[in-house]
């Protein structure tokens, strides 16, 4: 069983001071013991809102955190950030 990597994904891709992240900090930063069932490729996003030249990393997360990261990403885009998701999440086989 591979555990959800939401903590690492959050630190890599989501700006900590942005309101959508701040509002869900507890869920995003608490260690998740659920089995990872989705793969997310994420662009780094600690600085530039446009994510210009941002590195891409892949993380595995549980279904709940896959949906939460996608929702937070949508809200960040509404706040002027470029998406952190260069492609759709996919289920692990």
Protein backbone atom coordinates (compact mmCIF):
# COMPACT_ATOMS: atom_id res chain seq x y z
CA UNK A 1 0.00 0.00 0.00
CA UNK A 2 1.33 3.41 -1.01
CA UNK A 3 0.31 6.23 1.32
CA UNK A 4 -1.14 9.54 0.19
CA UNK A 5 1.57 12.19 -0.37
CA UNK A 6 -0.65 15.23 0.17
CA UNK A 7 1.79 16.95 2.54
CA UNK A 8 4.64 16.87 0.01
CA UNK A 9 2.31 17.86 -2.86
CA UNK A 10 0.95 20.81 -0.89
CA UNK A 11 4.42 22.11 0.01
CA UNK A 12 5.57 21.77 -3.59
CA UNK A 13 2.65 23.21 -5.54
CA UNK A 14 0.34 25.31 -3.39
CA UNK A 15 1.30 28.80 -2.15
CA UNK A 16 0.91 28.71 1.65
CA UNK A 17 -0.33 32.28 2.06
CA UNK A 18 -3.11 32.04 -0.56
CA UNK A 19 -6.59 32.04 0.98
CA UNK A 20 -7.80 28.77 -0.65
CA UNK A 21 -4.77 26.99 0.83
CA UNK A 22 -4.98 28.76 4.17
CA UNK A 23 -8.68 27.83 4.53
CA UNK A 24 -7.86 24.13 4.13
CA UNK A 25 -4.49 24.06 5.84
CA UNK A 26 -5.44 21.36 8.34
CA UNK A 27 -6.61 18.91 5.68
CA UNK A 28 -3.71 19.66 3.33
CA UNK A 29 -0.91 19.58 5.91
CA UNK A 30 -1.98 16.71 8.17
CA UNK A 31 -0.41 13.35 7.37
CA UNK A 32 -2.90 11.21 5.48
CA UNK A 33 -2.91 7.49 6.17
CA UNK A 34 -5.23 6.63 3.27
CA UNK A 35 -4.07 4.53 0.36
CA UNK A 36 -2.95 6.51 -2.68
CA UNK A 37 -5.27 5.84 -5.62
CA UNK A 38 -4.55 8.84 -7.89
CA UNK A 39 -1.46 10.27 -9.52
CA UNK A 40 -1.15 14.06 -9.83
CA UNK A 41 1.48 15.90 -11.83
CA UNK A 42 1.94 19.31 -10.26
CA UNK A 43 3.83 22.46 -11.17
CA UNK A 44 5.85 24.09 -8.41
CA UNK A 45 4.17 27.21 -7.12
CA UNK A 46 5.79 28.84 -4.16
CA UNK A 47 6.60 32.11 -5.90
CA UNK A 48 5.47 33.21 -9.35
CA UNK A 49 1.70 33.28 -9.95
CA UNK A 50 2.33 32.38 -13.60
CA UNK A 51 4.47 29.35 -12.65
CA UNK A 52 6.87 30.31 -15.43
CA UNK A 53 9.60 27.70 -15.66
CA UNK A 54 8.19 25.83 -12.67
CA UNK A 55 9.43 22.27 -12.19
CA UNK A 56 6.96 19.40 -12.52
CA UNK A 57 6.74 16.58 -9.99
CA UNK A 58 4.41 13.65 -9.67
CA UNK A 59 2.68 12.75 -6.41
CA UNK A 60 0.31 9.97 -5.44
CA UNK A 61 -2.69 10.90 -3.32
CA UNK A 62 -5.92 9.42 -2.02
CA UNK A 63 -9.21 10.09 -3.79
CA UNK A 64 -10.31 12.71 -1.25
CA UNK A 65 -7.09 14.70 -1.52
CA UNK A 66 -7.09 14.43 -5.33
CA UNK A 67 -10.48 16.15 -5.34
CA UNK A 68 -9.39 18.70 -2.72
CA UNK A 69 -6.21 19.68 -4.60
CA UNK A 70 -8.25 20.07 -7.79
CA UNK A 71 -10.76 22.29 -5.99
CA UNK A 72 -8.03 24.43 -4.39
CA UNK A 73 -6.35 24.76 -7.80
CA UNK A 74 -9.62 26.07 -9.33
CA UNK A 75 -9.92 28.65 -6.55
CA UNK A 76 -6.28 29.70 -6.98
CA UNK A 77 -6.94 30.25 -10.70
CA UNK A 78 -9.87 32.50 -9.75
CA UNK A 79 -7.37 34.47 -7.64
CA UNK A 80 -5.03 34.94 -10.61
CA UNK A 81 -2.71 31.95 -10.27
CA UNK A 82 -1.89 29.69 -13.21
CA UNK A 83 -3.03 26.12 -12.76
CA UNK A 84 -0.82 23.75 -10.81
CA UNK A 85 -2.17 20.80 -12.80
CA UNK A 86 -0.48 20.53 -16.20
CA UNK A 87 -2.62 17.46 -16.92
CA UNK A 88 -5.64 15.66 -15.45
CA UNK A 89 -5.15 13.35 -12.51
CA UNK A 90 -5.21 9.65 -13.31
CA UNK A 91 -6.11 6.60 -11.29
CA UNK A 92 -3.36 4.21 -10.35
CA UNK A 93 -3.66 0.80 -11.94
